[in-house]
Amino acid sequence: MRLRLCLVLVGLFVSAGQAAAGQVSDILRVFHEGERLVYDVSWLAIKAGGATLEVRGVVNLDGHQAYHLVTTAQSAPVISRIYGVDDRTESFLETDPMRTLRFDKNLREGRYRHSSQTVFDQEKSIATFRYLDFSNVPKNITRLDEAERYGKYVSQEFPLDPGALDELSVLYYVRTLPLQASTTVTAKVFASKKNWELEIKVLGRETLETVLGRRVTLKVEPLLKYEGIFQRKGRMIVWLTDDAERIPVQMKSEIVIGSFVTTLTRREVGLPQAHLDSHGGSTR
């Protein structure tokens, strides 16, 4: 559903930029101090939902240092009566080299339920996809811990391109690349059980009034080719501040009737949240 796509893509494109090449210290500062971006999503002037993206700091994952990235999306009460959305995805991005180690996805969208974890074995070039089979889980059960009493986990292995990223961390990788008007950058992504090449076009510049003040922005268009939360339906434009931080302040997604507009309402920067364990928690 387009609403869920808009809510989740806030998190996916929240860092689709770079603090110019060579400014590694600025990138590390954002990752280490922690950042939380809050968005409203509207359709025809109606608030459809909200989304957040957080940098939870660096954790130790199986002996590797990794950035813990979290994005959430929820539908507004008026929309939830028709089609409720409550999604959470987490990425563990190795700090050096920058490549995915693990990706967790938990989706609750209407009657649709999905809980999975993908482990990226970069050395062996294998992605292990483990998901909960909900076929025997009662429809009224949405909590993962309750669903596990009825469902069973299924594990599958797929070829993995060396250095591949997941659906969320790819935008942090893009953040390290130079973005200039009228250019296109690419990145390797493993999503929907396949290896893909994501293209991101920089269309030009535009000045916007934002919660951060009047800002010159870069208009960016992701050319989405894979399914799942990256379904390629219609056109999507993201506006990023044209400065060292490349903050996404607005996103517009066209649909048959009107469009969804996602707007940054608050940015918080502070210390990353403490972790209960060195593995960054469970799948939900």
Protein backbone atom coordinates (compact mmCIF):
# COMPACT_ATOMS: atom_id res chain seq x y z
CA MET A 1 0.00 0.00 0.00
CA ARG A 2 1.25 3.48 -0.88
CA LEU A 3 0.73 4.82 2.65
CA ARG A 4 3.09 2.21 4.11
CA LEU A 5 5.59 2.87 1.33
CA CYS A 6 5.63 6.58 2.15
CA LEU A 7 5.93 6.05 5.90
CA VAL A 8 8.79 3.59 5.64
CA LEU A 9 10.68 5.40 2.90
CA VAL A 10 11.10 8.35 5.24
CA GLY A 11 13.56 6.20 7.08
CA LEU A 12 15.12 4.86 3.92
CA PHE A 13 15.90 8.23 2.41
CA VAL A 14 16.59 10.10 5.59
CA SER A 15 20.30 10.14 4.91
CA ALA A 16 20.35 9.97 1.13
CA GLY A 17 23.13 12.45 0.87
CA GLN A 18 26.67 13.05 1.97
CA ALA A 19 28.71 15.39 4.02
CA ALA A 20 31.09 15.98 1.11
CA ALA A 21 33.67 13.35 0.27
CA GLY A 22 36.54 13.49 2.70
CA GLN A 23 34.49 14.92 5.59
CA VAL A 24 34.61 11.64 7.48
CA SER A 25 34.66 13.36 10.86
CA ASP A 26 31.25 14.95 10.20
CA ILE A 27 29.75 11.56 9.29
CA LEU A 28 31.16 9.92 12.41
CA ARG A 29 29.90 12.80 14.55
CA VAL A 30 26.33 12.20 13.38
CA PHE A 31 26.57 8.44 13.86
CA HIS A 32 28.16 8.61 17.33
CA GLU A 33 26.12 11.43 18.85
CA GLY A 34 22.84 9.95 17.73
CA GLU A 35 20.17 11.55 15.60
CA ARG A 36 16.37 11.26 15.60
CA LEU A 37 14.29 12.69 12.79
CA VAL A 38 10.50 12.93 13.12
CA TYR A 39 8.13 13.24 10.16
CA ASP A 40 4.45 13.80 9.44
CA VAL A 41 2.84 12.16 6.40
CA SER A 42 -0.22 13.81 4.85
CA TRP A 43 -2.62 13.05 2.02
CA LEU A 44 -5.08 15.66 0.71
CA ALA A 45 -4.30 17.79 3.80
CA ILE A 46 -5.19 14.87 6.09
CA LYS A 47 -2.53 13.53 8.46
CA ALA A 48 -2.00 9.94 7.38
CA GLY A 49 0.73 8.96 9.82
CA GLY A 50 4.22 9.57 11.10
CA ALA A 51 7.70 8.09 10.91
CA THR A 52 11.05 8.33 12.67
CA LEU A 53 14.64 7.45 11.95
CA GLU A 54 17.27 7.02 14.63
CA VAL A 55 21.00 6.43 14.79
CA ARG A 56 21.40 4.34 17.94
CA GLY A 57 25.20 4.50 18.02
CA VAL A 58 27.82 1.75 17.57
CA VAL A 59 27.33 -1.81 18.84
CA ASN A 60 29.45 -4.96 18.79
CA LEU A 61 27.84 -7.54 16.52
CA ASP A 62 29.67 -10.88 16.45
CA GLY A 63 33.03 -9.18 16.83
CA HIS A 64 32.32 -6.41 14.30
CA GLN A 65 31.73 -2.74 15.10
CA ALA A 66 28.46 -1.64 13.52
CA TYR A 67 26.17 1.39 13.38
CA HIS A 68 22.68 0.51 14.68
CA LEU A 69 20.03 2.23 12.53
CA VAL A 70 16.31 2.11 13.33
CA THR A 71 13.29 3.40 11.42
CA THR A 72 9.62 3.20 12.42
CA ALA A 73 6.33 4.06 10.72
CA GLN A 74 2.81 4.26 12.14
CA SER A 75 -0.52 5.24 10.62
CA ALA A 76 -2.64 7.98 12.20
CA PRO A 77 -5.75 6.92 14.18
CA VAL A 78 -8.15 7.93 11.40
CA ILE A 79 -6.22 5.83 8.86
CA SER A 80 -5.70 2.93 11.29
CA ARG A 81 -9.45 2.31 11.35
CA ILE A 82 -9.18 1.42 7.66
CA TYR A 83 -5.63 0.13 7.30
CA GLY A 84 -3.33 0.16 10.30
CA VAL A 85 0.41 0.44 9.83
CA ASP A 86 2.98 -0.32 12.54
CA ASP A 87 6.40 -1.03 11.03
CA ARG A 88 9.94 -1.22 12.33
CA THR A 89 13.17 -2.01 10.49
CA GLU A 90 16.71 -2.18 11.87
CA SER A 91 20.06 -2.25 10.13
CA PHE A 92 23.51 -3.08 11.46
CA LEU A 93 26.06 -1.40 9.19
CA GLU A 94 29.71 -2.28 9.66
CA THR A 95 31.75 0.84 10.30
CA ASP A 96 34.80 -0.12 8.22
CA PRO A 97 34.35 -1.25 5.53
CA MET A 98 30.82 0.13 5.22
CA ARG A 99 28.69 -2.96 4.46
CA THR A 100 25.63 -4.59 5.98
CA LEU A 101 25.96 -7.27 8.65
CA ARG A 102 22.28 -7.76 9.54
CA PHE A 103 18.86 -6.43 8.60
CA ASP A 104 15.66 -6.95 10.64
CA LYS A 105 12.18 -6.22 9.30
CA ASN A 106 8.91 -6.27 11.25
CA LEU A 107 5.76 -5.13 9.43
CA ARG A 108 2.16 -4.93 10.62
CA GLU A 109 -0.05 -3.57 7.83
CA GLY A 110 -3.74 -4.28 7.96
CA ARG A 111 -3.93 -8.08 8.09
CA TYR A 112 -0.46 -8.47 6.65
CA ARG A 113 2.27 -9.52 9.10
CA HIS A 114 5.94 -10.03 8.41
CA SER A 115 8.90 -10.67 10.73
CA SER A 116 12.30 -11.56 9.30
CA GLN A 117 16.03 -11.27 9.85
CA THR A 118 18.67 -11.36 7.11
CA VAL A 119 22.29 -12.08 8.03
CA PHE A 120 24.84 -10.85 5.49
CA ASP A 121 27.89 -13.13 5.45
CA GLN A 122 30.17 -10.84 3.48
CA GLU A 123 33.15 -13.21 3.54
CA LYS A 124 31.19 -16.18 2.15
CA SER A 125 28.96 -14.01 -0.11
CA ILE A 126 25.82 -15.60 1.36
CA ALA A 127 22.66 -13.93 2.66
CA THR A 128 20.69 -16.04 5.16
CA PHE A 129 17.03 -15.00 5.23
CA ARG A 130 15.08 -16.25 8.27
CA TYR A 131 11.37 -15.44 8.53
CA LEU A 132 8.40 -16.41 10.67
CA ASP A 133 5.70 -18.39 8.83
CA PHE A 134 2.41 -16.76 9.87
CA SER A 135 0.15 -19.24 8.04
CA ASN A 136 -0.95 -20.94 11.28
CA VAL A 137 -0.95 -17.81 13.44
CA PRO A 138 -4.43 -16.44 14.32
CA LYS A 139 -5.20 -13.18 12.53
CA ASN A 140 -5.83 -11.31 15.77
CA ILE A 141 -2.27 -11.92 17.01
CA THR A 142 0.21 -9.23 16.01
CA ARG A 143 2.85 -9.35 18.74
CA LEU A 144 5.91 -11.32 17.69
CA ASP A 145 6.39 -13.11 21.01
CA GLU A 146 2.80 -14.37 20.83
CA ALA A 147 3.00 -15.30 17.15
CA GLU A 148 6.06 -17.46 17.79
CA ARG A 149 3.90 -19.87 19.79
CA TYR A 150 1.93 -20.74 16.64
CA GLY A 151 4.27 -20.11 13.72
CA LYS A 152 7.63 -21.58 12.79
CA TYR A 153 10.77 -20.03 11.39
CA VAL A 154 11.95 -20.83 7.87
CA SER A 155 15.54 -20.27 6.75
CA GLN A 156 16.75 -19.72 3.17
CA GLU A 157 20.16 -18.89 1.67
CA PHE A 158 20.84 -16.68 -1.35
CA PRO A 159 23.95 -15.46 -3.22
CA LEU A 160 25.21 -12.10 -1.95
CA ASP A 161 27.19 -9.55 -3.94
CA PRO A 162 30.40 -8.57 -2.06
CA GLY A 163 29.93 -5.38 -0.07
CA ALA A 164 26.14 -5.37 -0.52
CA LEU A 165 23.96 -3.12 1.63
CA ASP A 166 20.39 -3.50 2.85
CA GLU A 167 17.32 -1.39 2.13
CA LEU A 168 18.02 1.05 4.96
CA SER A 169 21.80 1.32 5.27
CA VAL A 170 22.25 1.94 1.54
CA LEU A 171 21.32 5.55 2.11
CA TYR A 172 24.04 5.96 4.70
CA TYR A 173 26.46 4.68 2.11
CA VAL A 174 25.14 7.18 -0.39
CA ARG A 175 25.80 9.80 2.25
CA THR A 176 29.51 9.25 1.70
CA LEU A 177 29.28 9.95 -2.04
CA PRO A 178 29.48 13.35 -3.75
CA LEU A 179 26.04 14.56 -4.89
CA GLN A 180 25.89 17.14 -7.63
CA ALA A 181 22.97 18.40 -9.72
CA SER A 182 22.26 16.43 -12.92
CA THR A 183 24.23 13.38 -11.80
CA THR A 184 23.34 9.78 -10.89
CA VAL A 185 24.96 7.60 -8.20
CA THR A 186 24.57 3.85 -7.72
CA ALA A 187 24.92 1.30 -4.93
CA LYS A 188 24.65 -2.49 -4.51
CA VAL A 189 21.65 -3.63 -2.46
CA PHE A 190 20.34 -7.02 -1.37
CA ALA A 191 16.54 -6.87 -1.06
CA SER A 192 13.57 -9.13 -1.77
CA LYS A 193 15.96 -12.12 -1.88
CA LYS A 194 17.92 -10.68 -4.80
CA ASN A 195 20.92 -8.48 -5.57
CA TRP A 196 20.08 -5.11 -7.13
CA GLU A 197 21.72 -1.89 -8.22
CA LEU A 198 19.99 1.19 -6.82
CA GLU A 199 20.19 4.38 -8.87
CA ILE A 200 19.67 7.82 -7.33
CA LYS A 201 19.32 10.83 -9.64
CA VAL A 202 20.05 14.38 -8.47
CA LEU A 203 17.57 16.54 -10.40
CA GLY A 204 18.57 20.04 -9.29
CA ARG A 205 18.17 22.61 -6.50
CA GLU A 206 15.14 24.27 -4.91
CA THR A 207 14.70 26.65 -1.95
CA LEU A 208 12.12 25.57 0.65
CA GLU A 209 10.72 26.88 3.93
CA THR A 210 11.37 24.11 6.45
CA VAL A 211 11.22 23.45 10.19
CA LEU A 212 14.96 24.18 10.11
CA GLY A 213 14.40 27.54 8.40
CA ARG A 214 14.70 28.60 4.79
CA ARG A 215 17.02 26.12 3.08
CA VAL A 216 18.43 25.46 -0.36
CA THR A 217 17.74 21.80 -1.14
CA LEU A 218 18.77 19.15 -3.64
CA LYS A 219 15.90 17.35 -5.38
CA VAL A 220 16.72 13.63 -5.42
CA GLU A 221 14.82 10.86 -7.20
CA PRO A 222 15.50 7.23 -6.24
CA LEU A 223 14.95 4.88 -9.17
CA LEU A 224 13.55 1.92 -7.25
CA LYS A 225 13.73 -1.41 -9.04
CA TYR A 226 13.07 -3.97 -6.33
CA GLU A 227 9.91 -4.94 -4.50
CA GLY A 228 8.98 -5.00 -0.83
CA ILE A 229 9.27 -1.59 0.82
CA PHE A 230 10.92 -0.35 -2.36
CA GLN A 231 7.98 -1.04 -4.66
CA ARG A 232 8.41 0.82 -7.92
CA LYS A 233 5.01 2.47 -8.43
CA GLY A 234 4.77 6.08 -9.50
CA ARG A 235 7.38 8.74 -8.94
CA MET A 236 9.02 9.82 -5.69
CA ILE A 237 11.05 12.97 -5.03
CA VAL A 238 13.10 13.71 -1.90
CA TRP A 239 14.37 17.18 -0.92
CA LEU A 240 17.72 17.18 0.96
CA THR A 241 19.32 20.25 2.47
CA ASP A 242 22.20 21.34 0.26
CA ASP A 243 24.77 21.51 3.05
CA ALA A 244 27.19 19.25 4.90
CA GLU A 245 24.40 17.31 6.65
CA ARG A 246 22.06 16.58 3.72
CA ILE A 247 18.94 16.42 5.92
CA PRO A 248 15.80 15.18 4.13
CA VAL A 249 13.17 17.82 4.84
CA GLN A 250 10.42 16.79 2.43
CA MET A 251 9.29 13.88 0.28
CA LYS A 252 6.50 13.66 -2.29
CA SER A 253 5.08 10.41 -3.63
CA GLU A 254 2.57 10.51 -6.47
CA ILE A 255 -0.47 8.21 -6.46
CA VAL A 256 -3.59 7.89 -8.61
CA ILE A 257 -5.47 10.45 -6.53
CA GLY A 258 -3.22 13.29 -5.34
CA SER A 259 0.03 12.55 -3.56
CA PHE A 260 1.50 11.80 -0.16
CA VAL A 261 3.70 14.57 1.26
CA THR A 262 6.17 13.75 4.03
CA THR A 263 7.51 16.68 6.04
CA LEU A 264 10.23 16.91 8.68
CA THR A 265 8.72 18.25 11.92
CA ARG A 266 11.57 17.79 14.39
CA ARG A 267 15.26 16.92 14.49
CA GLU A 268 16.95 15.77 17.69
CA VAL A 269 20.69 15.25 18.03
CA GLY A 270 22.17 13.88 21.23
CA LEU A 271 23.76 10.86 22.83
CA PRO A 272 22.80 7.47 21.36
CA GLN A 273 20.55 5.29 23.48
CA ALA A 274 22.18 2.67 25.68
CA HIS A 275 21.98 -0.95 24.54
CA LEU A 276 20.89 -3.86 26.69
CA ASP A 277 23.28 -6.22 24.96
CA SER A 278 26.15 -6.22 22.47
CA HIS A 279 23.98 -7.64 19.68
CA GLY A 280 21.65 -4.66 19.38
CA GLY A 281 18.53 -6.48 20.57
CA SER A 282 16.19 -8.94 18.85
CA THR A 283 13.88 -8.77 15.84
CA ARG A 284 11.15 -7.13 17.92
